[in-house]
Protein backbone atom coordinates (compact mmCIF):
# COMPACT_ATOMS: atom_id res chain seq x y z
CA MET A 1 -6.54 -75.07 200.58
CA TYR A 2 -9.66 -76.54 202.09
CA MET A 3 -10.30 -80.09 203.25
CA THR A 4 -12.26 -82.72 201.37
CA ILE A 5 -15.21 -84.69 202.78
CA ASP A 6 -13.14 -87.88 202.87
CA GLY A 7 -10.86 -88.67 205.75
CA PRO A 8 -9.24 -91.53 207.59
CA ALA A 9 -11.61 -93.94 209.28
CA GLU A 10 -9.87 -94.47 212.66
CA PRO A 11 -10.07 -90.84 213.98
CA LEU A 12 -13.73 -90.62 213.01
CA ASP A 13 -14.46 -93.96 214.71
CA ILE A 14 -12.68 -92.76 217.89
CA VAL A 15 -14.72 -89.57 217.97
CA LYS A 16 -18.03 -91.39 217.33
CA LYS A 17 -17.47 -93.58 220.38
CA LEU A 18 -17.01 -90.67 222.85
CA ARG A 19 -19.75 -90.24 225.33
CA GLY A 20 -22.35 -87.67 224.28
CA VAL A 21 -21.53 -87.71 220.56
CA VAL A 22 -24.80 -87.96 218.61
CA HIS A 23 -23.41 -87.44 215.10
CA ALA A 24 -19.84 -87.20 213.70
CA PHE A 25 -18.81 -86.62 210.11
CA TYR A 26 -16.14 -84.99 207.94
CA LEU A 27 -16.95 -81.53 206.54
CA SER A 28 -16.83 -80.78 202.86
CA ASP A 29 -15.01 -77.96 201.08
CA GLU A 30 -18.35 -76.37 200.18
CA ILE A 31 -19.70 -76.01 203.69
CA LEU A 32 -16.35 -74.90 205.13
CA LYS A 33 -16.20 -72.03 202.62
CA GLU A 34 -19.77 -70.97 203.57
CA MET A 35 -18.98 -71.20 207.26
CA LYS A 36 -15.82 -69.09 206.86
CA GLU A 37 -17.83 -66.33 205.20
CA GLU A 38 -20.41 -66.44 207.98
CA GLU A 39 -17.74 -66.43 210.72
CA ASN A 40 -16.38 -63.15 209.27
CA LYS A 41 -19.73 -61.48 210.04
CA VAL A 42 -20.05 -62.59 213.66
CA ARG A 43 -20.26 -60.03 216.43
CA ALA A 44 -20.86 -60.42 220.13
CA ALA A 45 -24.36 -59.94 221.56
CA GLY A 46 -25.19 -56.26 221.18
CA GLY A 47 -23.06 -55.95 218.09
CA ASN A 48 -20.27 -53.78 219.49
CA ILE A 49 -17.45 -56.29 220.10
CA THR A 50 -15.82 -58.41 217.44
CA VAL A 51 -15.63 -62.15 217.84
CA ASP A 52 -12.33 -63.56 216.56
CA ASN A 53 -12.71 -67.34 216.13
CA GLN A 54 -9.03 -68.23 215.93
CA GLY A 55 -9.80 -71.90 216.53
CA PHE A 56 -11.92 -72.02 213.39
CA LEU A 57 -9.31 -70.18 211.32
CA GLN A 58 -6.65 -72.67 212.41
CA ALA A 59 -8.98 -75.58 211.67
CA LEU A 60 -9.20 -74.37 208.08
CA THR A 61 -5.45 -74.91 207.63
CA ARG A 62 -5.63 -78.61 208.55
CA GLN A 63 -6.12 -81.53 206.14
CA HIS A 64 -9.32 -82.82 207.76
CA VAL A 65 -12.15 -81.37 209.83
CA ILE A 66 -14.57 -83.57 211.75
CA ALA A 67 -17.80 -82.06 213.03
CA ILE A 68 -19.52 -83.57 216.02
CA ILE A 69 -23.02 -82.84 217.22
CA LYS A 70 -23.12 -83.56 220.93
CA ASP A 71 -25.47 -83.68 223.90
CA PRO A 72 -24.75 -82.48 227.46
CA ARG A 73 -23.03 -85.80 228.40
CA PHE A 74 -19.98 -84.81 226.31
CA ARG A 75 -16.90 -83.88 228.35
CA PRO A 76 -16.06 -80.23 228.93
CA PRO A 77 -13.11 -78.74 226.98
CA PRO A 78 -9.67 -78.94 228.55
CA GLU A 79 -9.10 -75.17 228.25
CA PRO A 80 -11.26 -72.06 228.02
CA THR A 81 -13.01 -71.62 224.66
CA VAL A 82 -13.61 -67.86 225.05
CA VAL A 83 -11.45 -65.04 226.35
CA LEU A 84 -11.92 -61.26 226.24
CA LEU A 85 -8.76 -59.48 225.15
CA SER A 86 -7.82 -55.80 225.08
CA GLU A 87 -6.40 -54.33 221.86
CA ASP A 88 -2.87 -54.89 223.17
CA GLY A 89 -3.57 -58.52 224.07
CA LYS A 90 -4.23 -58.31 227.82
CA THR A 91 -6.81 -60.74 229.22
CA MET A 92 -9.88 -58.83 230.45
CA GLY A 93 -12.14 -61.87 231.02
CA VAL A 94 -12.13 -65.62 230.68
CA GLU A 95 -14.51 -68.55 230.50
CA VAL A 96 -14.90 -70.57 233.72
CA PHE A 97 -15.83 -74.23 234.10
CA PRO A 98 -17.09 -76.09 237.20
CA PHE A 99 -13.65 -77.59 237.64
CA THR A 100 -11.90 -74.17 237.46
CA MET A 101 -14.33 -72.18 239.68
CA ASP A 102 -12.13 -72.69 242.72
CA GLN A 103 -9.42 -70.60 241.04
CA TYR A 104 -11.73 -67.52 241.18
CA ALA A 105 -14.30 -68.22 243.93
CA LYS A 106 -12.39 -66.43 246.74
CA ARG A 107 -10.80 -63.67 244.69
CA ASP A 108 -11.94 -60.09 245.26
CA ASP A 109 -10.41 -58.81 242.03
CA VAL A 110 -12.88 -60.45 239.64
CA VAL A 111 -16.43 -59.76 238.59
CA TRP A 112 -18.70 -62.68 237.67
CA LEU A 113 -20.72 -61.89 234.52
CA SER A 114 -22.32 -65.33 234.78
CA ASP A 115 -21.53 -68.72 236.32
CA ALA A 116 -19.33 -69.35 233.30
CA PHE A 117 -17.39 -66.08 232.76
CA VAL A 118 -15.34 -63.77 234.95
CA MET A 119 -14.03 -60.28 234.25
CA PHE A 120 -10.84 -58.70 235.57
CA PRO A 121 -11.89 -55.06 236.21
CA ASP A 122 -8.30 -53.97 236.90
CA VAL A 123 -7.44 -54.75 233.29
CA ARG A 124 -8.79 -51.85 231.24
CA GLY A 125 -9.63 -51.86 227.54
CA ASP A 126 -9.26 -48.97 225.15
CA GLY A 127 -12.20 -49.58 222.84
CA GLY A 128 -10.49 -52.21 220.75
CA GLU A 129 -11.31 -55.22 222.82
CA LYS A 130 -12.57 -58.42 221.23
CA PHE A 131 -13.78 -61.86 222.23
CA VAL A 132 -11.27 -64.48 221.02
CA MET A 133 -12.17 -68.13 220.63
CA PRO A 134 -8.73 -69.83 220.74
CA PRO A 135 -7.91 -73.26 219.38
CA VAL A 136 -8.49 -75.91 222.06
CA SER A 137 -6.67 -79.21 222.40
CA PHE A 138 -8.42 -82.53 221.69
CA PRO A 139 -6.07 -85.15 223.15
CA GLU A 140 -8.14 -88.16 222.11
CA LEU A 141 -6.73 -87.66 218.60
CA ASN A 142 -2.94 -87.81 218.59
CA PRO A 143 0.03 -89.50 216.87
CA SER A 144 -0.92 -92.91 218.30
CA ASN A 145 -3.90 -92.88 215.93
CA GLY A 146 -2.32 -91.02 213.03
CA CYS A 147 -3.18 -87.40 213.89
CA LYS A 148 -0.96 -84.34 214.43
CA ASN A 149 -1.56 -80.58 214.73
CA VAL A 150 -4.91 -81.32 216.33
CA VAL A 151 -7.16 -78.40 217.26
CA SER A 152 -10.84 -78.12 218.23
CA CYS A 153 -13.20 -75.18 218.24
CA SER A 154 -16.86 -74.24 218.46
CA PRO A 155 -18.50 -72.70 215.40
CA ALA A 156 -20.60 -69.59 215.78
CA PRO A 157 -24.31 -70.35 216.33
CA THR A 158 -25.19 -69.18 212.83
CA CYS A 159 -22.47 -71.43 211.38
CA ASP A 160 -23.72 -74.30 213.49
CA LEU A 161 -27.20 -73.86 212.06
CA MET A 162 -25.82 -73.53 208.54
CA MET A 163 -23.88 -76.78 208.92
CA ARG A 164 -26.84 -78.72 210.30
CA LYS A 165 -29.09 -77.57 207.47
CA HIS A 166 -26.43 -78.50 204.92
CA TYR A 167 -26.33 -82.06 206.26
CA SER A 168 -30.07 -82.27 207.03
CA TYR A 169 -29.73 -82.50 210.80
CA PRO A 170 -32.47 -80.89 212.92
CA ASP A 171 -31.91 -77.61 214.80
CA ASP A 172 -32.17 -79.15 218.22
CA PRO A 173 -31.36 -76.56 220.94
CA LYS A 174 -30.37 -79.35 223.35
CA LEU A 175 -27.40 -80.23 221.08
CA ALA A 176 -24.24 -78.29 220.31
CA SER A 177 -21.43 -78.66 217.81
CA VAL A 178 -17.64 -78.90 217.99
CA LEU A 179 -15.11 -79.06 215.12
CA ILE A 180 -11.94 -81.17 215.40
CA ALA A 181 -9.25 -80.59 212.78
CA PHE A 182 -5.97 -82.43 212.20
CA ASP A 183 -3.27 -83.37 209.76
CA ASP A 184 -2.25 -86.93 208.87
CA CYS A 185 0.91 -88.39 210.30
CA PRO A 186 2.45 -91.86 210.54
CA LYS A 187 1.08 -93.78 213.53
CA ASP A 188 3.31 -93.77 216.57
CA PRO A 189 2.33 -96.76 218.75
CA ASP A 190 4.70 -95.58 221.47
CA PHE A 191 3.04 -92.16 221.87
CA LYS A 192 1.25 -91.85 225.18
CA PRO A 193 -1.29 -89.00 225.16
CA ASP A 194 -1.96 -87.10 228.34
CA LEU A 195 -5.67 -87.55 228.93
CA SER A 196 -5.60 -86.41 232.57
CA SER A 197 -7.47 -83.18 231.77
CA VAL A 198 -10.38 -84.92 229.97
CA ALA A 199 -12.78 -87.72 230.71
CA VAL A 200 -12.99 -90.11 227.80
CA PRO A 201 -15.75 -92.65 228.59
CA THR A 202 -17.17 -94.49 225.62
CA LYS A 203 -20.71 -95.35 224.77
CA LYS A 204 -22.06 -98.50 226.36
């Protein structure tokens, strides 16, 4: 069952106020179906390794999906958004952020593919490896504002472009997209979210 374009106002208002958010809106059933079909076609650069967007697949099981189009001021994700796994589930590589670089900077058992990704050469694949995009937490939405089972993810670049065209937003390479999905729940005013891993400044 796919989500409708309507959704509760408070979560959308919270997301719109986050620093770096240029646009925020609920996604319709129609575009989610098209994006799912496109995600099934995605391969890594070079075409040899499958990209498994688990975050997107989990988002499809939630009642509501908010899309945000963001600029570079938006906070980094609390956890890696890409990992390279072997066929038996061993981690062969992982995304690195500026705030996690210290974990790998002095290690001699990693290979840096870029400033944002390290490989673990001691972990060998067998030809069935794949890039997995796991669901990522989004603690700004939580039971205190009527949200549960919250996940976020990045759509594939072709899905991002498809979504922007569908809603008549320009294809601006300086901007990127994130999807935030959740189910409704009764508000819990006593719930205290842990926001220590994210910066949540609001627009001035």
